[in-house]
């Protein structure tokens, strides 16, 4: 084997160092991108208004409202609900609107129905 054509151990180590530096630079870009994503998500969370205390699901067309929900209920889908206060939630239950079987606003409200 020709000594002049062979790559020295030092050259191999230098190559390995450059590859490792490239990998570290890529990882740093991923970290920076993830930090930016988290910062943007946190900023969005700060701008988002708090959920309503109670919500009334809207009926289809002119139909009656199908359910009263706790404002944080996972079943609420925009734009099919409207924010209501405690008095309105109790009034809706009194008028026969069903309480959501998942979030149980009747229990939260202490409604005896």
C-alpha atoms as a PDB file:
ATOM      1  CA  UNK A   1       0.000   0.000   0.000  1.00  0.00           C
ATOM      2  CA  UNK A   2       1.345   3.433  -0.916  1.00  0.00           C
ATOM      3  CA  UNK A   3       1.927   5.510   2.237  1.00  0.00           C
ATOM      4  CA  UNK A   4       1.272   8.798   0.400  1.00  0.00           C
ATOM      5  CA  UNK A   5      -2.168   7.624  -0.753  1.00  0.00           C
ATOM      6  CA  UNK A   6      -3.321   6.471   2.656  1.00  0.00           C
ATOM      7  CA  UNK A   7      -5.242   8.740   4.965  1.00  0.00           C
ATOM      8  CA  UNK A   8      -3.469   9.403   8.230  1.00  0.00           C
ATOM      9  CA  UNK A   9      -5.036   8.714  11.596  1.00  0.00           C
ATOM     10  CA  UNK A  10      -5.006  12.483  12.276  1.00  0.00           C
ATOM     11  CA  UNK A  11      -6.930  13.154   9.037  1.00  0.00           C
ATOM     12  CA  UNK A  12      -9.491  10.495   9.979  1.00  0.00           C
ATOM     13  CA  UNK A  13      -9.931  12.030  13.411  1.00  0.00           C
ATOM     14  CA  UNK A  14     -10.248  15.499  11.890  1.00  0.00           C
ATOM     15  CA  UNK A  15     -12.930  14.189   9.508  1.00  0.00           C
ATOM     16  CA  UNK A  16     -14.801  12.564  12.420  1.00  0.00           C
ATOM     17  CA  UNK A  17     -14.651  15.866  14.334  1.00  0.00           C
ATOM     18  CA  UNK A  18     -16.135  17.787  11.379  1.00  0.00           C
ATOM     19  CA  UNK A  19     -18.953  15.235  11.030  1.00  0.00           C
ATOM     20  CA  UNK A  20     -19.673  15.475  14.765  1.00  0.00           C
ATOM     21  CA  UNK A  21     -19.720  19.279  14.554  1.00  0.00           C
ATOM     22  CA  UNK A  22     -22.208  19.091  11.687  1.00  0.00           C
ATOM     23  CA  UNK A  23     -24.406  16.776  13.741  1.00  0.00           C
ATOM     24  CA  UNK A  24     -24.205  19.089  16.749  1.00  0.00           C
ATOM     25  CA  UNK A  25     -25.098  22.070  14.550  1.00  0.00           C
ATOM     26  CA  UNK A  26     -28.155  20.181  13.234  1.00  0.00           C
ATOM     27  CA  UNK A  27     -29.216  19.281  16.763  1.00  0.00           C
ATOM     28  CA  UNK A  28     -28.830  22.936  17.787  1.00  0.00           C
ATOM     29  CA  UNK A  29     -31.089  23.969  14.867  1.00  0.00           C
ATOM     30  CA  UNK A  30     -33.685  21.425  16.028  1.00  0.00           C
ATOM     31  CA  UNK A  31     -33.443  22.747  19.598  1.00  0.00           C
ATOM     32  CA  UNK A  32     -33.828  26.343  18.375  1.00  0.00           C
ATOM     33  CA  UNK A  33     -36.847  25.414  16.226  1.00  0.00           C
ATOM     34  CA  UNK A  34     -38.485  23.523  19.102  1.00  0.00           C
ATOM     35  CA  UNK A  35     -37.884  26.421  21.508  1.00  0.00           C
ATOM     36  CA  UNK A  36     -39.443  28.809  18.981  1.00  0.00           C
ATOM     37  CA  UNK A  37     -42.453  26.490  18.613  1.00  0.00           C
ATOM     38  CA  UNK A  38     -42.892  26.321  22.394  1.00  0.00           C
ATOM     39  CA  UNK A  39     -42.553  30.113  22.716  1.00  0.00           C
ATOM     40  CA  UNK A  40     -45.183  30.654  20.022  1.00  0.00           C
ATOM     41  CA  UNK A  41     -47.501  28.133  21.664  1.00  0.00           C
ATOM     42  CA  UNK A  42     -47.091  29.851  25.048  1.00  0.00           C
ATOM     43  CA  UNK A  43     -47.763  33.262  23.474  1.00  0.00           C
ATOM     44  CA  UNK A  44     -50.920  31.872  21.870  1.00  0.00           C
ATOM     45  CA  UNK A  45     -52.030  30.396  25.191  1.00  0.00           C
ATOM     46  CA  UNK A  46     -51.541  33.787  26.885  1.00  0.00           C
ATOM     47  CA  UNK A  47     -53.616  35.567  24.200  1.00  0.00           C
ATOM     48  CA  UNK A  48     -56.409  32.995  24.256  1.00  0.00           C
ATOM     49  CA  UNK A  49     -59.310  34.114  26.420  1.00  0.00           C
ATOM     50  CA  UNK A  50     -60.187  31.835  29.317  1.00  0.00           C
ATOM     51  CA  UNK A  51     -62.950  29.324  28.644  1.00  0.00           C
ATOM     52  CA  UNK A  52     -66.421  30.310  29.762  1.00  0.00           C
ATOM     53  CA  UNK A  53     -67.678  28.930  33.028  1.00  0.00           C
ATOM     54  CA  UNK A  54     -70.733  27.409  31.298  1.00  0.00           C
ATOM     55  CA  UNK A  55     -71.789  26.846  27.697  1.00  0.00           C
ATOM     56  CA  UNK A  56     -75.030  26.186  25.864  1.00  0.00           C
ATOM     57  CA  UNK A  57     -74.749  23.946  22.834  1.00  0.00           C
ATOM     58  CA  UNK A  58     -76.626  25.331  19.853  1.00  0.00           C
ATOM     59  CA  UNK A  59     -79.271  23.232  18.167  1.00  0.00           C
ATOM     60  CA  UNK A  60     -79.252  22.479  14.469  1.00  0.00           C
ATOM     61  CA  UNK A  61     -81.207  25.078  12.516  1.00  0.00           C
ATOM     62  CA  UNK A  62     -83.930  26.501  14.738  1.00  0.00           C
ATOM     63  CA  UNK A  63     -84.031  23.457  17.017  1.00  0.00           C
ATOM     64  CA  UNK A  64     -83.754  23.730  20.781  1.00  0.00           C
ATOM     65  CA  UNK A  65     -80.334  23.633  22.442  1.00  0.00           C
ATOM     66  CA  UNK A  66     -79.374  19.996  22.987  1.00  0.00           C
ATOM     67  CA  UNK A  67     -77.237  20.416  26.098  1.00  0.00           C
ATOM     68  CA  UNK A  68     -75.738  22.583  28.801  1.00  0.00           C
ATOM     69  CA  UNK A  69     -71.988  22.070  29.329  1.00  0.00           C
ATOM     70  CA  UNK A  70     -69.246  23.063  31.714  1.00  0.00           C
ATOM     71  CA  UNK A  71     -67.209  25.609  29.721  1.00  0.00           C
ATOM     72  CA  UNK A  72     -64.183  23.319  29.513  1.00  0.00           C
ATOM     73  CA  UNK A  73     -66.090  20.307  28.165  1.00  0.00           C
ATOM     74  CA  UNK A  74     -64.172  18.429  25.472  1.00  0.00           C
ATOM     75  CA  UNK A  75     -67.372  17.906  23.487  1.00  0.00           C
ATOM     76  CA  UNK A  76     -67.799  21.607  22.698  1.00  0.00           C
ATOM     77  CA  UNK A  77     -67.052  22.369  19.065  1.00  0.00           C
ATOM     78  CA  UNK A  78     -66.900  25.924  17.771  1.00  0.00           C
ATOM     79  CA  UNK A  79     -69.094  27.535  16.570  1.00  0.00           C
ATOM     80  CA  UNK A  80     -71.860  25.272  17.908  1.00  0.00           C
ATOM     81  CA  UNK A  81     -72.016  26.726  21.415  1.00  0.00           C
ATOM     82  CA  UNK A  82     -72.346  30.002  23.250  1.00  0.00           C
ATOM     83  CA  UNK A  83     -70.978  31.172  26.592  1.00  0.00           C
ATOM     84  CA  UNK A  84     -73.540  31.560  29.373  1.00  0.00           C
ATOM     85  CA  UNK A  85     -73.347  32.464  33.034  1.00  0.00           C
ATOM     86  CA  UNK A  86     -74.412  30.393  36.039  1.00  0.00           C
ATOM     87  CA  UNK A  87     -77.915  31.887  36.140  1.00  0.00           C
ATOM     88  CA  UNK A  88     -78.459  31.153  32.443  1.00  0.00           C
ATOM     89  CA  UNK A  89     -77.141  27.598  32.846  1.00  0.00           C
ATOM     90  CA  UNK A  90     -79.536  26.921  35.728  1.00  0.00           C
ATOM     91  CA  UNK A  91     -82.417  28.473  33.772  1.00  0.00           C
ATOM     92  CA  UNK A  92     -81.656  26.274  30.754  1.00  0.00           C
ATOM     93  CA  UNK A  93     -81.660  23.155  32.947  1.00  0.00           C
ATOM     94  CA  UNK A  94     -84.951  24.288  34.539  1.00  0.00           C
ATOM     95  CA  UNK A  95     -86.435  24.677  31.042  1.00  0.00           C
ATOM     96  CA  UNK A  96     -85.567  21.067  30.200  1.00  0.00           C
ATOM     97  CA  UNK A  97     -82.268  21.414  28.347  1.00  0.00           C
ATOM     98  CA  UNK A  98     -80.312  18.242  29.046  1.00  0.00           C
ATOM     99  CA  UNK A  99     -77.044  18.405  30.996  1.00  0.00           C
ATOM    100  CA  UNK A 100     -74.051  16.968  29.150  1.00  0.00           C
ATOM    101  CA  UNK A 101     -73.496  13.382  30.257  1.00  0.00           C
ATOM    102  CA  UNK A 102     -69.719  13.816  30.009  1.00  0.00           C
ATOM    103  CA  UNK A 103     -68.955  17.047  31.895  1.00  0.00           C
ATOM    104  CA  UNK A 104     -72.025  16.912  34.183  1.00  0.00           C
ATOM    105  CA  UNK A 105     -72.833  20.624  34.597  1.00  0.00           C
ATOM    106  CA  UNK A 106     -75.850  19.716  36.724  1.00  0.00           C
ATOM    107  CA  UNK A 107     -73.530  18.245  39.356  1.00  0.00           C
ATOM    108  CA  UNK A 108     -71.171  21.228  39.132  1.00  0.00           C
ATOM    109  CA  UNK A 109     -74.099  23.624  39.497  1.00  0.00           C
ATOM    110  CA  UNK A 110     -75.654  21.663  42.331  1.00  0.00           C
ATOM    111  CA  UNK A 111     -78.855  21.406  40.301  1.00  0.00           C
ATOM    112  CA  UNK A 112     -81.248  18.891  41.849  1.00  0.00           C
ATOM    113  CA  UNK A 113     -82.991  17.959  38.541  1.00  0.00           C
END
